[in-house]
């Protein structure tokens, strides 16, 4: 979307690490570069130097994923 709109060209933006791996296990996407909002926020926090906050958010996010998978009984032993 960013590259398709002239309206967005002058808005400051950050590049997402292309080597980052998705960990959103609750819903599956068809694209490898689709991340959950929490994942992107954690990447941005890390980029801005807030590494501790980034890691805390990722820890909460992993716990969320784990609890969601268990509640949906997708294999019962969901471990991340």
PDB file of N, CA and C in Angstrom:
ATOM      1  N   UNK A   1       0.822  -1.187   0.000  1.00  0.00           N
ATOM      2  CA  UNK A   1       0.000   0.000   0.000  1.00  0.00           C
ATOM      3  C   UNK A   1       0.867   1.253   0.000  1.00  0.00           C
ATOM      4  N   UNK A   2       1.946   1.210   0.754  1.00  0.00           N
ATOM      5  CA  UNK A   2       2.813   2.375   0.870  1.00  0.00           C
ATOM      6  C   UNK A   2       3.363   2.795  -0.491  1.00  0.00           C
ATOM      7  N   UNK A   3       3.774   1.827  -1.289  1.00  0.00           N
ATOM      8  CA  UNK A   3       4.384   2.130  -2.580  1.00  0.00           C
ATOM      9  C   UNK A   3       3.356   2.405  -3.679  1.00  0.00           C
ATOM     10  N   UNK A   4       2.095   2.141  -3.410  1.00  0.00           N
ATOM     11  CA  UNK A   4       1.060   2.311  -4.417  1.00  0.00           C
ATOM     12  C   UNK A   4       0.320   3.634  -4.319  1.00  0.00           C
ATOM     13  N   UNK A   5       0.595   4.412  -3.297  1.00  0.00           N
ATOM     14  CA  UNK A   5      -0.140   5.652  -3.102  1.00  0.00           C
ATOM     15  C   UNK A   5       0.801   6.857  -3.053  1.00  0.00           C
ATOM     16  N   UNK A   6       0.546   7.826  -3.911  1.00  0.00           N
ATOM     17  CA  UNK A   6       1.333   9.068  -3.880  1.00  0.00           C
ATOM     18  C   UNK A   6       1.109   9.839  -2.592  1.00  0.00           C
ATOM     19  N   UNK A   7      -0.027   9.653  -1.952  1.00  0.00           N
ATOM     20  CA  UNK A   7      -0.349  10.360  -0.717  1.00  0.00           C
ATOM     21  C   UNK A   7       0.572   9.931   0.424  1.00  0.00           C
ATOM     22  N   UNK A   8       1.095   8.740   0.357  1.00  0.00           N
ATOM     23  CA  UNK A   8       1.892   8.208   1.456  1.00  0.00           C
ATOM     24  C   UNK A   8       3.401   8.387   1.266  1.00  0.00           C
ATOM     25  N   UNK A   9       3.829   8.890   0.135  1.00  0.00           N
ATOM     26  CA  UNK A   9       5.256   8.960  -0.174  1.00  0.00           C
ATOM     27  C   UNK A   9       6.062   9.816   0.800  1.00  0.00           C
ATOM     28  N   UNK A  10       5.494  10.866   1.336  1.00  0.00           N
ATOM     29  CA  UNK A  10       6.239  11.774   2.212  1.00  0.00           C
ATOM     30  C   UNK A  10       6.067  11.471   3.697  1.00  0.00           C
ATOM     31  N   UNK A  11       5.372  10.419   4.008  1.00  0.00           N
ATOM     32  CA  UNK A  11       5.172  10.041   5.405  1.00  0.00           C
ATOM     33  C   UNK A  11       6.388   9.246   5.880  1.00  0.00           C
ATOM     34  N   UNK A  12       6.947   9.612   7.033  1.00  0.00           N
ATOM     35  CA  UNK A  12       8.088   8.839   7.547  1.00  0.00           C
ATOM     36  C   UNK A  12       7.686   7.377   7.753  1.00  0.00           C
ATOM     37  N   UNK A  13       8.636   6.483   7.497  1.00  0.00           N
ATOM     38  CA  UNK A  13       8.337   5.064   7.641  1.00  0.00           C
ATOM     39  C   UNK A  13       9.592   4.301   8.048  1.00  0.00           C
ATOM     40  N   UNK A  14       9.407   3.084   8.511  1.00  0.00           N
ATOM     41  CA  UNK A  14      10.492   2.193   8.897  1.00  0.00           C
ATOM     42  C   UNK A  14      10.446   0.960   8.016  1.00  0.00           C
ATOM     43  N   UNK A  15      11.604   0.430   7.718  1.00  0.00           N
ATOM     44  CA  UNK A  15      11.672  -0.837   6.991  1.00  0.00           C
ATOM     45  C   UNK A  15      11.649  -1.964   8.020  1.00  0.00           C
ATOM     46  N   UNK A  16      10.880  -2.997   7.724  1.00  0.00           N
ATOM     47  CA  UNK A  16      10.810  -4.171   8.602  1.00  0.00           C
ATOM     48  C   UNK A  16      11.932  -5.123   8.202  1.00  0.00           C
ATOM     49  N   UNK A  17      12.564  -5.726   9.186  1.00  0.00           N
ATOM     50  CA  UNK A  17      13.639  -6.679   8.960  1.00  0.00           C
ATOM     51  C   UNK A  17      13.130  -7.831   8.086  1.00  0.00           C
ATOM     52  N   UNK A  18      13.694  -7.981   6.902  1.00  0.00           N
ATOM     53  CA  UNK A  18      13.228  -9.010   5.975  1.00  0.00           C
ATOM     54  C   UNK A  18      13.577 -10.412   6.448  1.00  0.00           C
ATOM     55  N   UNK A  19      14.456 -10.529   7.440  1.00  0.00           N
ATOM     56  CA  UNK A  19      14.811 -11.841   7.971  1.00  0.00           C
ATOM     57  C   UNK A  19      13.950 -12.242   9.157  1.00  0.00           C
ATOM     58  N   UNK A  20      13.079 -11.358   9.590  1.00  0.00           N
ATOM     59  CA  UNK A  20      12.206 -11.669  10.722  1.00  0.00           C
ATOM     60  C   UNK A  20      11.257 -12.796  10.339  1.00  0.00           C
ATOM     61  N   UNK A  21      10.946 -13.622  11.307  1.00  0.00           N
ATOM     62  CA  UNK A  21      10.049 -14.744  11.060  1.00  0.00           C
ATOM     63  C   UNK A  21       8.737 -14.518  11.788  1.00  0.00           C
ATOM     64  N   UNK A  22       7.662 -14.828  11.101  1.00  0.00           N
ATOM     65  CA  UNK A  22       6.346 -14.697  11.699  1.00  0.00           C
ATOM     66  C   UNK A  22       6.180 -15.719  12.817  1.00  0.00           C
ATOM     67  N   UNK A  23       5.488 -15.336  13.846  1.00  0.00           N
ATOM     68  CA  UNK A  23       5.202 -16.282  14.918  1.00  0.00           C
ATOM     69  C   UNK A  23       3.710 -16.279  15.259  1.00  0.00           C
ATOM     70  N   UNK A  24       2.911 -15.678  14.406  1.00  0.00           N
ATOM     71  CA  UNK A  24       1.471 -15.616  14.636  1.00  0.00           C
ATOM     72  C   UNK A  24       0.872 -16.968  14.300  1.00  0.00           C
ATOM     73  N   UNK A  25       0.512 -17.727  15.298  1.00  0.00           N
ATOM     74  CA  UNK A  25       0.075 -19.102  15.103  1.00  0.00           C
ATOM     75  C   UNK A  25      -1.433 -19.266  15.147  1.00  0.00           C
ATOM     76  N   UNK A  26      -2.138 -18.237  15.562  1.00  0.00           N
ATOM     77  CA  UNK A  26      -3.584 -18.350  15.741  1.00  0.00           C
ATOM     78  C   UNK A  26      -4.312 -18.277  14.402  1.00  0.00           C
ATOM     79  N   UNK A  27      -3.839 -17.421  13.538  1.00  0.00           N
ATOM     80  CA  UNK A  27      -4.448 -17.267  12.215  1.00  0.00           C
ATOM     81  C   UNK A  27      -3.338 -17.357  11.182  1.00  0.00           C
ATOM     82  N   UNK A  28      -3.561 -18.078  10.116  1.00  0.00           N
ATOM     83  CA  UNK A  28      -2.528 -18.261   9.099  1.00  0.00           C
ATOM     84  C   UNK A  28      -2.755 -17.300   7.940  1.00  0.00           C
ATOM     85  N   UNK A  29      -1.666 -16.749   7.433  1.00  0.00           N
ATOM     86  CA  UNK A  29      -1.757 -15.852   6.284  1.00  0.00           C
ATOM     87  C   UNK A  29      -1.116 -16.528   5.078  1.00  0.00           C
ATOM     88  N   UNK A  30      -1.429 -16.019   3.927  1.00  0.00           N
ATOM     89  CA  UNK A  30      -0.892 -16.602   2.700  1.00  0.00           C
ATOM     90  C   UNK A  30       0.454 -16.007   2.320  1.00  0.00           C
ATOM     91  N   UNK A  31       0.904 -14.981   3.036  1.00  0.00           N
ATOM     92  CA  UNK A  31       2.167 -14.322   2.713  1.00  0.00           C
ATOM     93  C   UNK A  31       3.126 -14.427   3.890  1.00  0.00           C
ATOM     94  N   UNK A  32       4.380 -14.715   3.600  1.00  0.00           N
ATOM     95  CA  UNK A  32       5.397 -14.814   4.644  1.00  0.00           C
ATOM     96  C   UNK A  32       5.687 -13.481   5.325  1.00  0.00           C
ATOM     97  N   UNK A  33       5.457 -12.376   4.624  1.00  0.00           N
ATOM     98  CA  UNK A  33       5.764 -11.069   5.199  1.00  0.00           C
ATOM     99  C   UNK A  33       4.550 -10.404   5.843  1.00  0.00           C
ATOM    100  N   UNK A  34       3.533 -11.178   6.189  1.00  0.00           N
ATOM    101  CA  UNK A  34       2.406 -10.628   6.940  1.00  0.00           C
ATOM    102  C   UNK A  34       2.637 -10.927   8.412  1.00  0.00           C
ATOM    103  N   UNK A  35       2.726  -9.868   9.189  1.00  0.00           N
ATOM    104  CA  UNK A  35       2.989 -10.001  10.611  1.00  0.00           C
ATOM    105  C   UNK A  35       1.796  -9.499  11.412  1.00  0.00           C
ATOM    106  N   UNK A  36       1.668  -9.992  12.620  1.00  0.00           N
ATOM    107  CA  UNK A  36       0.659  -9.485  13.542  1.00  0.00           C
ATOM    108  C   UNK A  36       1.094  -8.095  14.007  1.00  0.00           C
ATOM    109  N   UNK A  37       0.140  -7.295  14.419  1.00  0.00           N
ATOM    110  CA  UNK A  37       0.430  -5.933  14.880  1.00  0.00           C
ATOM    111  C   UNK A  37       1.440  -5.940  16.024  1.00  0.00           C
ATOM    112  N   UNK A  38       1.316  -6.891  16.942  1.00  0.00           N
ATOM    113  CA  UNK A  38       2.250  -6.967  18.071  1.00  0.00           C
ATOM    114  C   UNK A  38       3.663  -7.266  17.597  1.00  0.00           C
ATOM    115  N   UNK A  39       3.799  -8.112  16.577  1.00  0.00           N
ATOM    116  CA  UNK A  39       5.129  -8.421  16.039  1.00  0.00           C
ATOM    117  C   UNK A  39       5.771  -7.182  15.424  1.00  0.00           C
ATOM    118  N   UNK A  40       5.016  -6.445  14.643  1.00  0.00           N
ATOM    119  CA  UNK A  40       5.539  -5.236  14.001  1.00  0.00           C
ATOM    120  C   UNK A  40       5.892  -4.197  15.059  1.00  0.00           C
ATOM    121  N   UNK A  41       5.045  -4.039  16.052  1.00  0.00           N
ATOM    122  CA  UNK A  41       5.308  -3.082  17.124  1.00  0.00           C
ATOM    123  C   UNK A  41       6.592  -3.452  17.862  1.00  0.00           C
ATOM    124  N   UNK A  42       6.780  -4.735  18.139  1.00  0.00           N
ATOM    125  CA  UNK A  42       8.009  -5.183  18.809  1.00  0.00           C
ATOM    126  C   UNK A  42       9.231  -4.913  17.942  1.00  0.00           C
ATOM    127  N   UNK A  43       9.123  -5.138  16.628  1.00  0.00           N
ATOM    128  CA  UNK A  43      10.242  -4.855  15.724  1.00  0.00           C
ATOM    129  C   UNK A  43      10.573  -3.363  15.724  1.00  0.00           C
ATOM    130  N   UNK A  44       9.536  -2.531  15.716  1.00  0.00           N
ATOM    131  CA  UNK A  44       9.768  -1.079  15.732  1.00  0.00           C
ATOM    132  C   UNK A  44      10.391  -0.633  17.051  1.00  0.00           C
ATOM    133  N   UNK A  45       9.903  -1.168  18.164  1.00  0.00           N
ATOM    134  CA  UNK A  45      10.502  -0.836  19.458  1.00  0.00           C
ATOM    135  C   UNK A  45      11.977  -1.206  19.479  1.00  0.00           C
ATOM    136  N   UNK A  46      12.298  -2.382  18.948  1.00  0.00           N
ATOM    137  CA  UNK A  46      13.687  -2.820  18.887  1.00  0.00           C
ATOM    138  C   UNK A  46      14.525  -1.875  18.016  1.00  0.00           C
ATOM    139  N   UNK A  47      13.989  -1.509  16.864  1.00  0.00           N
ATOM    140  CA  UNK A  47      14.687  -0.602  15.954  1.00  0.00           C
ATOM    141  C   UNK A  47      14.953   0.751  16.603  1.00  0.00           C
ATOM    142  N   UNK A  48      14.014   1.204  17.429  1.00  0.00           N
ATOM    143  CA  UNK A  48      14.153   2.503  18.090  1.00  0.00           C
ATOM    144  C   UNK A  48      14.992   2.437  19.362  1.00  0.00           C
ATOM    145  N   UNK A  49      15.538   1.257  19.659  1.00  0.00           N
ATOM    146  CA  UNK A  49      16.421   1.117  20.813  1.00  0.00           C
ATOM    147  C   UNK A  49      15.744   0.699  22.104  1.00  0.00           C
ATOM    148  N   UNK A  50      14.490   0.352  22.048  1.00  0.00           N
ATOM    149  CA  UNK A  50      13.745  -0.078  23.240  1.00  0.00           C
ATOM    150  C   UNK A  50      13.707  -1.600  23.288  1.00  0.00           C
ATOM    151  N   UNK A  51      14.893  -2.201  23.388  1.00  0.00           N
ATOM    152  CA  UNK A  51      15.015  -3.651  23.294  1.00  0.00           C
ATOM    153  C   UNK A  51      14.297  -4.387  24.425  1.00  0.00           C
ATOM    154  N   UNK A  52      14.354  -3.861  25.627  1.00  0.00           N
ATOM    155  CA  UNK A  52      13.689  -4.516  26.759  1.00  0.00           C
ATOM    156  C   UNK A  52      12.171  -4.514  26.569  1.00  0.00           C
ATOM    157  N   UNK A  53      11.615  -3.385  26.141  1.00  0.00           N
ATOM    158  CA  UNK A  53      10.178  -3.312  25.903  1.00  0.00           C
ATOM    159  C   UNK A  53       9.766  -4.206  24.739  1.00  0.00           C
ATOM    160  N   UNK A  54      10.605  -4.256  23.730  1.00  0.00           N
ATOM    161  CA  UNK A  54      10.346  -5.116  22.581  1.00  0.00           C
ATOM    162  C   UNK A  54      10.254  -6.576  23.024  1.00  0.00           C
ATOM    163  N   UNK A  55      11.212  -7.000  23.838  1.00  0.00           N
ATOM    164  CA  UNK A  55      11.222  -8.388  24.307  1.00  0.00           C
ATOM    165  C   UNK A  55      10.033  -8.678  25.215  1.00  0.00           C
ATOM    166  N   UNK A  56       9.657  -7.725  26.063  1.00  0.00           N
ATOM    167  CA  UNK A  56       8.490  -7.910  26.928  1.00  0.00           C
ATOM    168  C   UNK A  56       7.228  -8.095  26.087  1.00  0.00           C
ATOM    169  N   UNK A  57       7.063  -7.274  25.069  1.00  0.00           N
ATOM    170  CA  UNK A  57       5.897  -7.396  24.198  1.00  0.00           C
ATOM    171  C   UNK A  57       5.893  -8.751  23.500  1.00  0.00           C
ATOM    172  N   UNK A  58       7.048  -9.186  22.992  1.00  0.00           N
ATOM    173  CA  UNK A  58       7.116 -10.495  22.335  1.00  0.00           C
ATOM    174  C   UNK A  58       6.802 -11.633  23.305  1.00  0.00           C
ATOM    175  N   UNK A  59       7.231 -11.505  24.559  1.00  0.00           N
ATOM    176  CA  UNK A  59       6.918 -12.531  25.559  1.00  0.00           C
ATOM    177  C   UNK A  59       5.412 -12.608  25.809  1.00  0.00           C
ATOM    178  N   UNK A  60       4.755 -11.464  25.950  1.00  0.00           N
ATOM    179  CA  UNK A  60       3.302 -11.451  26.118  1.00  0.00           C
ATOM    180  C   UNK A  60       2.606 -12.023  24.879  1.00  0.00           C
ATOM    181  N   UNK A  61       3.132 -11.660  23.731  1.00  0.00           N
ATOM    182  CA  UNK A  61       2.559 -12.123  22.473  1.00  0.00           C
ATOM    183  C   UNK A  61       2.669 -13.643  22.327  1.00  0.00           C
ATOM    184  N   UNK A  62       3.812 -14.200  22.697  1.00  0.00           N
ATOM    185  CA  UNK A  62       3.993 -15.649  22.643  1.00  0.00           C
ATOM    186  C   UNK A  62       3.034 -16.344  23.610  1.00  0.00           C
ATOM    187  N   UNK A  63       2.867 -15.768  24.800  1.00  0.00           N
ATOM    188  CA  UNK A  63       1.921 -16.340  25.770  1.00  0.00           C
ATOM    189  C   UNK A  63       0.498 -16.284  25.216  1.00  0.00           C
ATOM    190  N   UNK A  64       0.134 -15.184  24.573  1.00  0.00           N
ATOM    191  CA  UNK A  64      -1.182 -15.055  23.944  1.00  0.00           C
ATOM    192  C   UNK A  64      -1.397 -16.147  22.910  1.00  0.00           C
ATOM    193  N   UNK A  65      -0.410 -16.325  22.023  1.00  0.00           N
ATOM    194  CA  UNK A  65      -0.508 -17.363  21.001  1.00  0.00           C
ATOM    195  C   UNK A  65      -0.698 -18.738  21.623  1.00  0.00           C
ATOM    196  N   UNK A  66       0.097 -19.025  22.634  1.00  0.00           N
ATOM    197  CA  UNK A  66       0.036 -20.330  23.284  1.00  0.00           C
ATOM    198  C   UNK A  66      -1.331 -20.572  23.909  1.00  0.00           C
ATOM    199  N   UNK A  67      -1.860 -19.590  24.612  1.00  0.00           N
ATOM    200  CA  UNK A  67      -3.165 -19.743  25.257  1.00  0.00           C
ATOM    201  C   UNK A  67      -4.290 -19.877  24.225  1.00  0.00           C
ATOM    202  N   UNK A  68      -4.191 -19.132  23.141  1.00  0.00           N
ATOM    203  CA  UNK A  68      -5.207 -19.244  22.090  1.00  0.00           C
ATOM    204  C   UNK A  68      -5.199 -20.621  21.452  1.00  0.00           C
ATOM    205  N   UNK A  69      -4.015 -21.131  21.178  1.00  0.00           N
ATOM    206  CA  UNK A  69      -3.923 -22.459  20.571  1.00  0.00           C
ATOM    207  C   UNK A  69      -4.460 -23.537  21.499  1.00  0.00           C
ATOM    208  N   UNK A  70      -4.127 -23.433  22.751  1.00  0.00           N
ATOM    209  CA  UNK A  70      -4.614 -24.410  23.720  1.00  0.00           C
ATOM    210  C   UNK A  70      -6.128 -24.329  23.838  1.00  0.00           C
ATOM    211  N   UNK A  71      -6.676 -23.109  23.869  1.00  0.00           N
ATOM    212  CA  UNK A  71      -8.119 -22.958  24.009  1.00  0.00           C
ATOM    213  C   UNK A  71      -8.869 -23.491  22.795  1.00  0.00           C
ATOM    214  N   UNK A  72      -8.230 -23.477  21.651  1.00  0.00           N
ATOM    215  CA  UNK A  72      -8.856 -24.008  20.432  1.00  0.00           C
ATOM    216  C   UNK A  72      -8.581 -25.501  20.249  1.00  0.00           C
ATOM    217  N   UNK A  73      -7.776 -26.044  21.125  1.00  0.00           N
ATOM    218  CA  UNK A  73      -7.410 -27.458  21.105  1.00  0.00           C
ATOM    219  C   UNK A  73      -6.847 -27.880  19.751  1.00  0.00           C
ATOM    220  N   UNK A  74      -5.911 -27.097  19.266  1.00  0.00           N
ATOM    221  CA  UNK A  74      -5.203 -27.411  18.014  1.00  0.00           C
ATOM    222  C   UNK A  74      -4.011 -28.304  18.317  1.00  0.00           C
ATOM    223  N   UNK A  75      -4.243 -29.518  18.646  1.00  0.00           N
ATOM    224  CA  UNK A  75      -3.130 -30.420  18.922  1.00  0.00           C
ATOM    225  C   UNK A  75      -2.872 -30.583  20.405  1.00  0.00           C
ATOM    226  N   UNK A  76      -3.566 -29.859  21.237  1.00  0.00           N
ATOM    227  CA  UNK A  76      -3.485 -30.049  22.671  1.00  0.00           C
ATOM    228  C   UNK A  76      -2.180 -29.618  23.332  1.00  0.00           C
ATOM    229  N   UNK A  77      -1.026 -29.992  22.786  1.00  0.00           N
ATOM    230  CA  UNK A  77       0.265 -29.698  23.402  1.00  0.00           C
ATOM    231  C   UNK A  77       0.953 -28.524  22.723  1.00  0.00           C
ATOM    232  N   UNK A  78       0.247 -27.471  22.476  1.00  0.00           N
ATOM    233  CA  UNK A  78       0.832 -26.326  21.765  1.00  0.00           C
ATOM    234  C   UNK A  78       1.970 -25.733  22.566  1.00  0.00           C
ATOM    235  N   UNK A  79       3.177 -25.790  22.001  1.00  0.00           N
ATOM    236  CA  UNK A  79       4.335 -25.185  22.636  1.00  0.00           C
ATOM    237  C   UNK A  79       5.004 -24.266  21.654  1.00  0.00           C
ATOM    238  N   UNK A  80       5.479 -23.177  22.165  1.00  0.00           N
ATOM    239  CA  UNK A  80       6.146 -22.187  21.305  1.00  0.00           C
ATOM    240  C   UNK A  80       7.563 -22.031  21.781  1.00  0.00           C
TER     241      UNK A  80
END
